[in-house]
């Protein structure tokens, strides 16, 4: 059952993001079997907007929360807030899943 997690960085925390990015990427690679998609949110000019989106294939909201709480970004205190919602996979990679 997919869950979408949207994160919002604390204002002025780009240094925290940069300092923990490599550990965050290692964490994502280790859990790639759970990831349908993920990535940073960007401004139109390509600069960092301060947050990200994960779409996970896990069984429960609690599992999605546990995934986020183990992320080095979360552990470093990067996020001001986050939101977790169930997500219906309608189209992915150009294919219908309805």
N, C-alpha and C. Protein backbone atom coordinates (compact mmCIF):
# COMPACT_ATOMS: atom_id res chain seq x y z
N UNK A 1 0.86 -1.17 0.00
CA UNK A 1 0.00 0.00 0.00
C UNK A 1 0.90 1.23 0.00
N UNK A 2 0.86 2.01 -1.04
CA UNK A 2 1.76 3.16 -1.11
C UNK A 2 1.36 4.31 -0.18
N UNK A 3 2.40 4.96 0.34
CA UNK A 3 2.25 6.18 1.14
C UNK A 3 3.15 7.25 0.54
N UNK A 4 2.64 8.46 0.50
CA UNK A 4 3.42 9.61 0.07
C UNK A 4 3.83 10.40 1.31
N UNK A 5 5.10 10.69 1.40
CA UNK A 5 5.62 11.52 2.49
C UNK A 5 6.15 12.80 1.87
N UNK A 6 5.67 13.94 2.34
CA UNK A 6 6.22 15.22 1.91
C UNK A 6 6.89 15.86 3.11
N UNK A 7 8.13 16.31 2.91
CA UNK A 7 8.87 16.96 3.99
C UNK A 7 9.12 18.42 3.66
N UNK A 8 9.24 19.20 4.71
CA UNK A 8 9.48 20.64 4.61
C UNK A 8 10.65 20.97 5.53
N UNK A 9 11.75 21.45 4.94
CA UNK A 9 12.93 21.77 5.74
C UNK A 9 12.69 22.99 6.63
N UNK A 10 13.40 23.02 7.74
CA UNK A 10 13.41 24.21 8.59
C UNK A 10 14.04 25.36 7.80
N UNK A 11 13.55 26.57 7.97
CA UNK A 11 14.16 27.72 7.29
C UNK A 11 15.65 27.83 7.63
N UNK A 12 16.44 28.16 6.64
CA UNK A 12 17.87 28.38 6.87
C UNK A 12 18.66 27.12 7.15
N UNK A 13 18.16 25.94 6.73
CA UNK A 13 18.83 24.69 7.07
C UNK A 13 19.54 24.01 5.90
N UNK A 14 19.84 24.76 4.87
CA UNK A 14 20.50 24.16 3.70
C UNK A 14 21.84 23.53 4.08
N UNK A 15 22.56 24.10 5.04
CA UNK A 15 23.83 23.52 5.49
C UNK A 15 23.61 22.13 6.12
N UNK A 16 22.51 21.97 6.85
CA UNK A 16 22.18 20.67 7.46
C UNK A 16 21.89 19.67 6.34
N UNK A 17 21.14 20.09 5.35
CA UNK A 17 20.83 19.21 4.20
C UNK A 17 22.13 18.78 3.52
N UNK A 18 22.98 19.72 3.22
CA UNK A 18 24.24 19.40 2.52
C UNK A 18 25.13 18.48 3.34
N UNK A 19 25.22 18.73 4.65
CA UNK A 19 26.10 17.95 5.51
C UNK A 19 25.63 16.50 5.66
N UNK A 20 24.34 16.25 5.48
CA UNK A 20 23.80 14.91 5.69
C UNK A 20 23.35 14.23 4.40
N UNK A 21 23.58 14.86 3.27
CA UNK A 21 23.10 14.34 1.99
C UNK A 21 23.68 12.96 1.67
N UNK A 22 24.98 12.78 1.84
CA UNK A 22 25.59 11.49 1.49
C UNK A 22 25.01 10.36 2.34
N UNK A 23 24.87 10.57 3.64
CA UNK A 23 24.28 9.54 4.51
C UNK A 23 22.82 9.28 4.11
N UNK A 24 22.10 10.32 3.74
CA UNK A 24 20.72 10.18 3.28
C UNK A 24 20.67 9.31 2.02
N UNK A 25 21.57 9.54 1.06
CA UNK A 25 21.58 8.76 -0.17
C UNK A 25 21.94 7.29 0.09
N UNK A 26 22.84 7.05 1.02
CA UNK A 26 23.18 5.67 1.40
C UNK A 26 21.95 4.99 2.01
N UNK A 27 21.22 5.72 2.85
CA UNK A 27 20.00 5.18 3.46
C UNK A 27 18.96 4.83 2.39
N UNK A 28 18.76 5.73 1.44
CA UNK A 28 17.81 5.47 0.36
C UNK A 28 18.22 4.25 -0.45
N UNK A 29 19.49 4.14 -0.77
CA UNK A 29 19.97 2.98 -1.54
C UNK A 29 19.71 1.68 -0.77
N UNK A 30 19.93 1.69 0.53
CA UNK A 30 19.71 0.49 1.34
C UNK A 30 18.24 0.11 1.42
N UNK A 31 17.35 1.05 1.16
CA UNK A 31 15.91 0.80 1.26
C UNK A 31 15.20 0.97 -0.09
N UNK A 32 15.96 0.87 -1.17
CA UNK A 32 15.39 1.11 -2.50
C UNK A 32 14.24 0.17 -2.83
N UNK A 33 14.22 -1.02 -2.20
CA UNK A 33 13.13 -1.96 -2.44
C UNK A 33 11.77 -1.43 -1.96
N UNK A 34 11.78 -0.42 -1.10
CA UNK A 34 10.54 0.20 -0.60
C UNK A 34 10.12 1.42 -1.41
N UNK A 35 11.03 1.96 -2.21
CA UNK A 35 10.81 3.24 -2.88
C UNK A 35 10.18 3.07 -4.27
N UNK A 36 9.02 3.67 -4.45
CA UNK A 36 8.44 3.78 -5.79
C UNK A 36 9.01 5.01 -6.48
N UNK A 37 9.26 6.06 -5.70
CA UNK A 37 9.86 7.30 -6.20
C UNK A 37 10.29 8.13 -5.00
N UNK A 38 11.25 9.01 -5.22
CA UNK A 38 11.61 9.99 -4.20
C UNK A 38 12.50 11.04 -4.84
N UNK A 39 12.57 12.19 -4.19
CA UNK A 39 13.45 13.24 -4.67
C UNK A 39 13.20 14.55 -3.97
N UNK A 40 14.14 15.47 -4.16
CA UNK A 40 14.05 16.80 -3.56
C UNK A 40 13.07 17.67 -4.34
N UNK A 41 12.44 18.58 -3.63
CA UNK A 41 11.60 19.60 -4.28
C UNK A 41 12.52 20.75 -4.70
N UNK A 42 12.29 21.25 -5.91
CA UNK A 42 13.14 22.30 -6.47
C UNK A 42 12.32 23.51 -6.87
N UNK A 43 12.95 24.66 -6.83
CA UNK A 43 12.37 25.87 -7.40
C UNK A 43 12.46 25.79 -8.92
N UNK A 44 11.74 26.66 -9.60
CA UNK A 44 11.73 26.64 -11.07
C UNK A 44 13.12 26.82 -11.67
N UNK A 45 14.01 27.52 -10.97
CA UNK A 45 15.37 27.72 -11.49
C UNK A 45 16.30 26.55 -11.17
N UNK A 46 15.77 25.50 -10.55
CA UNK A 46 16.56 24.32 -10.22
C UNK A 46 17.23 24.35 -8.87
N UNK A 47 17.10 25.44 -8.14
CA UNK A 47 17.70 25.53 -6.81
C UNK A 47 16.84 24.76 -5.80
N UNK A 48 17.45 24.40 -4.70
CA UNK A 48 16.79 23.61 -3.67
C UNK A 48 15.66 24.40 -3.02
N UNK A 49 14.48 23.79 -2.95
CA UNK A 49 13.33 24.45 -2.33
C UNK A 49 13.24 24.17 -0.83
N UNK A 50 13.93 23.13 -0.37
CA UNK A 50 13.91 22.83 1.05
C UNK A 50 12.86 21.81 1.44
N UNK A 51 13.01 20.61 0.95
CA UNK A 51 12.09 19.54 1.30
C UNK A 51 12.14 18.47 0.23
N UNK A 52 11.35 17.44 0.43
CA UNK A 52 11.36 16.35 -0.52
C UNK A 52 10.07 15.57 -0.50
N UNK A 53 10.02 14.60 -1.40
CA UNK A 53 8.87 13.71 -1.51
C UNK A 53 9.39 12.28 -1.61
N UNK A 54 8.77 11.40 -0.85
CA UNK A 54 9.04 9.97 -0.93
C UNK A 54 7.71 9.29 -1.23
N UNK A 55 7.70 8.32 -2.10
CA UNK A 55 6.53 7.46 -2.27
C UNK A 55 7.02 6.05 -1.97
N UNK A 56 6.49 5.50 -0.88
CA UNK A 56 6.94 4.20 -0.35
C UNK A 56 5.88 3.15 -0.53
N UNK A 57 6.31 1.92 -0.75
CA UNK A 57 5.40 0.78 -0.77
C UNK A 57 5.59 0.03 0.54
N UNK A 58 4.82 0.42 1.54
CA UNK A 58 4.85 -0.21 2.87
C UNK A 58 3.41 -0.52 3.27
N UNK A 59 3.26 -1.36 4.30
CA UNK A 59 1.93 -1.84 4.68
C UNK A 59 1.11 -0.87 5.53
N UNK A 60 1.78 -0.02 6.30
CA UNK A 60 1.05 0.83 7.24
C UNK A 60 1.64 2.23 7.31
N UNK A 61 0.84 3.15 7.81
CA UNK A 61 1.32 4.50 8.07
C UNK A 61 2.46 4.47 9.09
N UNK A 62 2.37 3.58 10.05
CA UNK A 62 3.43 3.47 11.06
C UNK A 62 4.77 3.06 10.41
N UNK A 63 4.70 2.18 9.42
CA UNK A 63 5.92 1.79 8.71
C UNK A 63 6.49 2.97 7.93
N UNK A 64 5.62 3.78 7.33
CA UNK A 64 6.08 4.98 6.62
C UNK A 64 6.73 5.96 7.59
N UNK A 65 6.12 6.14 8.75
CA UNK A 65 6.66 7.03 9.78
C UNK A 65 8.02 6.51 10.26
N UNK A 66 8.12 5.21 10.48
CA UNK A 66 9.39 4.63 10.95
C UNK A 66 10.48 4.79 9.89
N UNK A 67 10.13 4.63 8.61
CA UNK A 67 11.09 4.85 7.54
C UNK A 67 11.63 6.27 7.60
N UNK A 68 10.73 7.24 7.71
CA UNK A 68 11.15 8.64 7.75
C UNK A 68 12.01 8.92 8.97
N UNK A 69 11.62 8.42 10.12
CA UNK A 69 12.34 8.71 11.36
C UNK A 69 13.74 8.10 11.39
N UNK A 70 14.00 7.11 10.54
CA UNK A 70 15.34 6.51 10.47
C UNK A 70 16.22 7.18 9.42
N UNK A 71 15.65 8.08 8.63
CA UNK A 71 16.40 8.80 7.59
C UNK A 71 17.39 9.76 8.25
N UNK A 72 18.64 9.78 7.79
CA UNK A 72 19.61 10.72 8.36
C UNK A 72 19.17 12.18 8.33
N UNK A 73 18.39 12.59 7.34
CA UNK A 73 17.87 13.95 7.33
C UNK A 73 16.98 14.19 8.54
N UNK A 74 16.10 13.25 8.85
CA UNK A 74 15.21 13.37 10.00
C UNK A 74 16.04 13.38 11.30
N UNK A 75 16.98 12.46 11.39
CA UNK A 75 17.81 12.35 12.60
C UNK A 75 18.65 13.60 12.84
N UNK A 76 19.01 14.31 11.77
CA UNK A 76 19.79 15.54 11.89
C UNK A 76 18.92 16.75 12.23
N UNK A 77 17.60 16.55 12.30
CA UNK A 77 16.71 17.66 12.63
C UNK A 77 16.44 18.60 11.47
N UNK A 78 16.57 18.11 10.25
CA UNK A 78 16.39 18.95 9.07
C UNK A 78 14.95 19.43 8.88
N UNK A 79 14.00 18.59 9.20
CA UNK A 79 12.62 18.89 8.84
C UNK A 79 11.88 19.73 9.87
N UNK A 80 11.21 20.74 9.38
CA UNK A 80 10.31 21.55 10.21
C UNK A 80 9.00 20.79 10.44
N UNK A 81 8.56 20.12 9.37
CA UNK A 81 7.33 19.33 9.47
C UNK A 81 7.31 18.34 8.31
N UNK A 82 6.39 17.40 8.41
CA UNK A 82 6.18 16.44 7.33
C UNK A 82 4.72 16.03 7.32
N UNK A 83 4.34 15.41 6.23
CA UNK A 83 2.96 14.96 6.08
C UNK A 83 3.01 13.58 5.42
N UNK A 84 2.21 12.66 5.92
CA UNK A 84 2.13 11.31 5.35
C UNK A 84 0.69 11.05 4.96
N UNK A 85 0.48 10.63 3.71
CA UNK A 85 -0.86 10.30 3.23
C UNK A 85 -0.79 9.02 2.39
N UNK A 86 -1.88 8.26 2.42
CA UNK A 86 -1.96 7.11 1.51
C UNK A 86 -2.04 7.62 0.08
N UNK A 87 -1.53 6.82 -0.83
CA UNK A 87 -1.45 7.25 -2.23
C UNK A 87 -1.94 6.12 -3.12
N UNK A 88 -2.77 6.46 -4.09
CA UNK A 88 -3.25 5.48 -5.06
C UNK A 88 -2.37 5.54 -6.30
N UNK A 89 -1.77 4.43 -6.62
CA UNK A 89 -0.92 4.34 -7.81
C UNK A 89 -1.84 4.19 -9.02
N UNK A 90 -2.06 5.29 -9.75
CA UNK A 90 -2.90 5.26 -10.94
C UNK A 90 -2.02 5.08 -12.19
N UNK A 91 -1.04 5.93 -12.35
CA UNK A 91 -0.09 5.84 -13.46
C UNK A 91 1.32 5.92 -12.89
N UNK A 92 2.17 5.03 -13.35
CA UNK A 92 3.56 5.02 -12.94
C UNK A 92 4.38 4.54 -14.13
N UNK A 93 5.42 5.26 -14.45
CA UNK A 93 6.27 4.93 -15.60
C UNK A 93 5.46 4.81 -16.89
N UNK A 94 4.44 5.65 -17.04
CA UNK A 94 3.65 5.67 -18.25
C UNK A 94 2.65 4.53 -18.40
N UNK A 95 2.47 3.77 -17.33
CA UNK A 95 1.52 2.65 -17.38
C UNK A 95 0.40 2.85 -16.38
N UNK A 96 -0.78 2.44 -16.77
CA UNK A 96 -1.93 2.49 -15.89
C UNK A 96 -1.88 1.31 -14.91
N UNK A 97 -2.18 1.60 -13.65
CA UNK A 97 -2.27 0.57 -12.62
C UNK A 97 -3.68 0.52 -12.04
N UNK A 98 -4.61 1.07 -12.78
CA UNK A 98 -6.01 1.09 -12.33
C UNK A 98 -6.72 -0.20 -12.68
